[in-house]
Amino acid sequence: MPCKDTTSRVTVFLDNEDRLIDFDFSKITCSKEIGGGTGYLEYCKGMLAEEITEIDFQMPLDFLNPETDEDQFFLYLEWDALRT
């Protein structure tokens, strides 16, 4: 990140079996909001929380095939936030 002005928020919703229902991710850096819209939610929806933490970044990268380096970076941010 080019600046020190960063905040982020992740909200995760799981069902009674610890399967992902929904999550919301947003990050603000240099007064610009980044979040969601990469397709990663749809990729992970219905997976067990434990399965999500074991996803290697290359898997969603190959499946979602982001068009630009910026889209790839946003996907990485979302992948990292949900694993955390």
Protein backbone atom coordinates (compact mmCIF):
# COMPACT_ATOMS: atom_id res chain seq x y z
CA MET A 1 0.00 0.00 0.00
CA PRO A 2 1.39 3.39 -0.89
CA CYS A 3 0.07 5.14 2.23
CA LYS A 4 -0.35 4.48 5.93
CA ASP A 5 -4.07 5.41 5.97
CA THR A 6 -5.60 1.90 6.03
CA THR A 7 -8.57 0.38 7.80
CA SER A 8 -10.50 -2.76 6.97
CA ARG A 9 -13.59 -4.68 8.03
CA VAL A 10 -14.69 -8.26 7.46
CA THR A 11 -18.07 -9.65 8.51
CA VAL A 12 -18.62 -13.39 8.06
CA PHE A 13 -21.96 -15.21 8.26
CA LEU A 14 -21.95 -18.99 8.79
CA ASP A 15 -24.86 -21.41 9.11
CA ASN A 16 -25.24 -23.92 11.98
CA GLU A 17 -22.89 -26.32 10.19
CA ASP A 18 -20.14 -23.67 9.80
CA ARG A 19 -20.79 -23.27 6.06
CA LEU A 20 -20.30 -19.83 4.54
CA ILE A 21 -23.56 -18.02 3.86
CA ASP A 22 -22.21 -14.54 3.21
CA PHE A 23 -19.34 -12.20 3.96
CA ASP A 24 -18.69 -8.54 3.57
CA PHE A 25 -15.21 -7.12 3.10
CA SER A 26 -14.16 -3.52 2.78
CA LYS A 27 -10.81 -1.80 3.05
CA ILE A 28 -10.12 1.88 2.96
CA THR A 29 -6.68 2.96 1.86
CA CYS A 30 -5.58 6.46 0.92
CA SER A 31 -9.24 7.49 1.32
CA LYS A 32 -10.36 5.06 -1.43
CA GLU A 33 -12.66 2.13 -0.57
CA ILE A 34 -11.85 -1.34 -1.87
CA GLY A 35 -14.11 -4.34 -1.38
CA GLY A 36 -16.09 -7.21 -2.77
CA GLY A 37 -17.17 -7.74 -6.32
CA THR A 38 -14.43 -10.20 -7.26
CA GLY A 39 -16.64 -13.29 -7.39
CA TYR A 40 -14.87 -14.82 -4.40
CA LEU A 41 -18.07 -14.92 -2.32
CA GLU A 42 -19.81 -17.01 -4.96
CA TYR A 43 -16.71 -19.23 -5.21
CA CYS A 44 -16.74 -19.95 -1.45
CA LYS A 45 -20.46 -19.90 -0.67
CA GLY A 46 -21.57 -23.17 0.93
CA MET A 47 -18.04 -24.29 1.84
CA LEU A 48 -17.13 -25.18 5.40
CA ALA A 49 -15.14 -22.50 7.23
CA GLU A 50 -12.27 -24.99 7.61
CA GLU A 51 -12.24 -25.64 3.84
CA ILE A 52 -12.02 -21.91 3.11
CA THR A 53 -8.95 -21.49 5.31
CA GLU A 54 -7.20 -24.22 3.29
CA ILE A 55 -7.80 -22.68 -0.17
CA ASP A 56 -4.55 -21.89 -1.92
CA PHE A 57 -4.73 -18.50 -3.68
CA GLN A 58 -3.94 -20.07 -7.05
CA MET A 59 -7.27 -21.98 -7.02
CA PRO A 60 -9.62 -18.95 -7.08
CA LEU A 61 -7.13 -17.10 -9.27
CA ASP A 62 -7.38 -19.81 -11.94
CA PHE A 63 -11.16 -20.22 -11.53
CA LEU A 64 -12.12 -16.52 -11.49
CA ASN A 65 -9.39 -15.40 -13.91
CA PRO A 66 -9.26 -11.68 -13.05
CA GLU A 67 -8.65 -9.52 -16.12
CA THR A 68 -6.25 -6.94 -14.70
CA ASP A 69 -3.47 -6.83 -12.13
CA GLU A 70 -5.69 -4.55 -10.05
CA ASP A 71 -8.55 -7.10 -10.13
CA GLN A 72 -6.06 -9.82 -9.12
CA PHE A 73 -4.87 -7.65 -6.22
CA PHE A 74 -8.48 -7.07 -5.06
CA LEU A 75 -9.13 -10.82 -5.21
CA TYR A 76 -6.00 -11.39 -3.14
CA LEU A 77 -7.19 -8.89 -0.52
CA GLU A 78 -10.57 -10.60 -0.29
CA TRP A 79 -8.99 -14.09 -0.17
CA ASP A 80 -6.59 -13.03 2.59
CA ALA A 81 -9.29 -11.25 4.62
CA LEU A 82 -11.68 -14.21 4.59
CA ARG A 83 -8.93 -16.68 5.52
CA THR A 84 -7.92 -14.48 8.42
